Amino acid sequence: MNEIYTTVVGRLVANPESRTTRGGVPFTAFRLASTVRRPNPQTREYEDGPTNFFNVTAFRTLGANVGNSLKKGDPVFVYGRMRVNQWMRSDNIPATSVEIDAYTVGHDLTWGTTELVKVSRAQVDQTDRLSDEAIQSVHAELESGGGLDAENDAYEVVPQPTGLVPRDDAEQELAAV
């Protein structure tokens, strides 16, 4: 309930490593370094502050895409659930690490450009009820647009809902939530 969700921007300090959990769930892990830059009022120049390191894990399809897309040194952003682990090292010195269970990972486009290459949806969990062939065939048909060509067919832009609903007297009122 009281979980921490965070967005971190930084660079990969090593190439991502892809593996599988004991339960057969694929994942990719990497280490992210994030350094604060602040202006120095005396020199009027930016200086690097301390660097924070995060262990990031991405599961299933996101993990597969991370493993195929990122490499050491890439500037990225990560959004996910954060937790702090404390333990005792083998030399009896307390240690702390910060881990992020990634929900979204992407290149930081402040530093360059990238191109999205769509891949067919990887079905990594065959025990999931959504992996049923009948459901997947319906989803595939829906994703293909049912014969529609999104780039060339005419379509109508629908305005965003305002939250107002019409009344009998031709006025509008806010919808009850």
Protein backbone atom coordinates (compact mmCIF):
# COMPACT_ATOMS: atom_id res chain seq x y z
CA MET A 1 0.00 0.00 0.00
CA ASN A 2 2.70 2.52 0.93
CA GLU A 3 4.97 1.78 -1.98
CA ILE A 4 7.29 4.32 -3.55
CA TYR A 5 7.07 4.97 -7.28
CA THR A 6 9.87 6.95 -8.84
CA THR A 7 11.33 8.16 -12.11
CA VAL A 8 15.12 8.17 -12.43
CA VAL A 9 17.22 9.53 -15.29
CA GLY A 10 20.78 8.32 -15.71
CA ARG A 11 23.18 6.11 -17.66
CA LEU A 12 23.78 2.37 -17.69
CA VAL A 13 27.06 1.47 -16.02
CA ALA A 14 27.21 -1.99 -17.65
CA ASN A 15 25.44 -3.95 -20.35
CA PRO A 16 22.08 -5.39 -19.24
CA GLU A 17 21.97 -9.05 -18.24
CA SER A 18 19.00 -11.22 -19.25
CA ARG A 19 18.06 -14.33 -17.28
CA THR A 20 15.06 -16.34 -16.08
CA THR A 21 13.67 -16.65 -12.54
CA ARG A 22 13.31 -20.05 -10.89
CA GLY A 23 9.62 -19.83 -11.81
CA GLY A 24 10.47 -19.42 -15.50
CA VAL A 25 9.78 -15.68 -15.79
CA PRO A 26 12.29 -13.90 -18.03
CA PHE A 27 13.87 -10.68 -16.77
CA THR A 28 16.67 -8.26 -17.56
CA ALA A 29 18.68 -6.43 -14.91
CA PHE A 30 21.01 -3.47 -15.18
CA ARG A 31 22.70 -0.86 -13.00
CA LEU A 32 21.86 2.81 -13.45
CA ALA A 33 23.98 5.77 -12.34
CA SER A 34 22.30 9.14 -11.84
CA THR A 35 24.39 12.23 -11.12
CA VAL A 36 22.92 15.55 -10.01
CA ARG A 37 24.23 18.69 -11.78
CA ARG A 38 23.88 21.97 -9.93
CA PRO A 39 25.06 25.51 -10.65
CA ASN A 40 27.88 26.80 -8.45
CA PRO A 41 26.98 30.40 -7.50
CA GLN A 42 30.64 31.41 -7.13
CA THR A 43 31.93 30.08 -10.47
CA ARG A 44 28.59 30.38 -12.31
CA GLU A 45 29.23 26.97 -13.84
CA TYR A 46 27.52 23.64 -13.40
CA GLU A 47 29.20 21.04 -11.22
CA ASP A 48 28.50 17.37 -10.73
CA GLY A 49 27.04 16.40 -7.38
CA PRO A 50 27.08 12.94 -5.85
CA THR A 51 26.18 9.93 -8.01
CA ASN A 52 23.37 7.59 -6.96
CA PHE A 53 23.32 3.99 -8.18
CA PHE A 54 20.19 1.92 -8.72
CA ASN A 55 19.72 -1.78 -9.51
CA VAL A 56 16.91 -2.00 -12.08
CA THR A 57 14.96 -5.11 -13.04
CA ALA A 58 12.48 -5.34 -15.93
CA PHE A 59 10.34 -8.45 -16.32
CA ARG A 60 8.76 -10.30 -19.24
CA THR A 61 8.38 -8.42 -22.54
CA LEU A 62 9.77 -5.17 -21.14
CA GLY A 63 12.82 -7.09 -19.95
CA ALA A 64 13.31 -8.70 -23.36
CA ASN A 65 13.06 -5.33 -25.09
CA VAL A 66 15.47 -3.73 -22.60
CA GLY A 67 17.98 -6.53 -23.18
CA ASN A 68 17.76 -6.03 -26.95
CA SER A 69 17.77 -2.21 -26.90
CA LEU A 70 20.14 -0.87 -24.25
CA LYS A 71 23.89 -1.02 -23.77
CA LYS A 72 26.49 0.35 -21.39
CA GLY A 73 26.60 4.15 -21.38
CA ASP A 74 23.10 4.68 -22.83
CA PRO A 75 21.19 7.61 -21.32
CA VAL A 76 17.83 6.29 -20.10
CA PHE A 77 14.89 7.04 -17.87
CA VAL A 78 13.25 4.44 -15.65
CA TYR A 79 9.85 4.58 -13.98
CA GLY A 80 8.96 1.92 -11.44
CA ARG A 81 8.48 0.74 -7.89
CA MET A 82 11.46 1.45 -5.64
CA ARG A 83 12.62 -0.37 -2.56
CA VAL A 84 15.66 -0.03 -0.32
CA ASN A 85 17.45 -3.17 0.89
CA GLN A 86 19.77 -3.29 3.88
CA TRP A 87 21.97 -6.26 4.67
CA MET A 88 25.23 -7.28 6.32
CA ARG A 89 28.19 -7.90 4.01
CA SER A 90 30.46 -10.90 4.54
CA ASP A 91 33.00 -8.64 6.32
CA ASN A 92 30.26 -7.59 8.83
CA ILE A 93 29.83 -4.12 7.35
CA PRO A 94 26.24 -2.97 6.82
CA ALA A 95 25.32 -2.29 3.20
CA THR A 96 22.38 -0.68 1.44
CA SER A 97 21.13 -0.90 -2.13
CA VAL A 98 18.26 0.73 -3.98
CA GLU A 99 16.27 -1.42 -6.40
CA ILE A 100 13.65 -0.44 -8.96
CA ASP A 101 11.08 -2.84 -10.38
CA ALA A 102 10.76 -1.14 -13.77
CA TYR A 103 7.37 -0.48 -15.33
CA THR A 104 8.72 1.76 -18.11
CA VAL A 105 12.21 2.17 -19.55
CA GLY A 106 13.26 4.39 -22.43
CA HIS A 107 16.12 6.28 -23.99
CA ASP A 108 16.61 9.87 -22.78
CA LEU A 109 16.12 11.78 -26.03
CA THR A 110 17.88 14.84 -24.62
CA TRP A 111 21.09 13.17 -25.78
CA GLY A 112 20.12 11.86 -29.20
CA THR A 113 17.52 10.13 -31.30
CA THR A 114 16.24 6.61 -31.40
CA GLU A 115 13.84 4.65 -33.56
CA LEU A 116 11.11 2.38 -32.26
CA VAL A 117 11.02 -1.00 -33.91
CA LYS A 118 7.81 -2.80 -33.05
CA VAL A 119 8.19 -6.48 -32.32
CA SER A 120 5.50 -9.12 -32.27
CA ARG A 121 4.13 -9.50 -28.80
CA ALA A 122 6.14 -12.07 -26.92
CA GLN A 123 3.94 -14.46 -24.95
CA VAL A 124 6.26 -15.40 -22.14
CA ASP A 125 3.77 -16.80 -19.63
CA GLN A 126 1.95 -19.76 -21.12
CA THR A 127 -0.04 -20.32 -17.89
CA ASP A 128 -1.73 -16.93 -18.18
CA ARG A 129 -5.37 -17.16 -19.22
CA LEU A 130 -4.74 -14.51 -21.86
CA SER A 131 -2.32 -16.89 -23.61
CA ASP A 132 -5.26 -18.97 -24.86
CA GLU A 133 -5.06 -19.28 -28.67
CA ALA A 134 -8.65 -18.09 -29.20
CA ILE A 135 -8.02 -14.93 -27.20
CA GLN A 136 -4.72 -14.27 -28.95
CA SER A 137 -6.31 -14.65 -32.40
CA VAL A 138 -9.02 -12.14 -31.46
CA HIS A 139 -6.38 -9.72 -30.18
CA ALA A 140 -4.33 -10.16 -33.35
CA GLU A 141 -7.39 -9.35 -35.45
CA LEU A 142 -8.12 -6.27 -33.35
CA GLU A 143 -4.51 -5.08 -33.60
CA SER A 144 -4.52 -5.47 -37.38
CA GLY A 145 -7.34 -2.92 -37.48
CA GLY A 146 -9.89 -5.27 -38.98
CA GLY A 147 -8.91 -4.26 -42.50
CA LEU A 148 -8.45 -0.55 -41.72
CA ASP A 149 -5.37 1.27 -42.92
CA ALA A 150 -4.63 3.79 -40.16
CA GLU A 151 -2.32 5.86 -42.36
CA ASN A 152 -4.57 6.18 -45.43
CA ASP A 153 -8.19 5.62 -44.34
CA ALA A 154 -10.31 8.58 -43.29
CA TYR A 155 -11.09 8.88 -39.61
CA GLU A 156 -12.80 11.33 -37.31
CA VAL A 157 -11.03 13.04 -34.44
CA VAL A 158 -13.27 12.88 -31.38
CA PRO A 159 -12.83 15.66 -28.80
CA GLN A 160 -11.73 14.76 -25.31
CA PRO A 161 -14.62 14.25 -22.88
CA THR A 162 -15.34 17.37 -20.82
CA GLY A 163 -17.10 15.69 -17.93
CA LEU A 164 -20.25 17.65 -18.80
CA VAL A 165 -23.50 15.85 -19.57
CA PRO A 166 -26.54 17.41 -21.27
CA ARG A 167 -29.71 18.03 -19.24
CA ASP A 168 -33.31 18.04 -20.46
CA ASP A 169 -33.38 21.86 -20.52
CA ALA A 170 -30.49 22.05 -23.07
CA GLU A 171 -28.00 23.05 -20.36
CA GLN A 172 -25.02 20.99 -19.26
CA GLU A 173 -23.93 19.85 -15.81
CA LEU A 174 -20.94 18.03 -14.40
CA ALA A 175 -21.29 14.28 -14.39
CA ALA A 176 -21.52 12.61 -11.01
CA VAL A 177 -18.44 10.56 -10.32
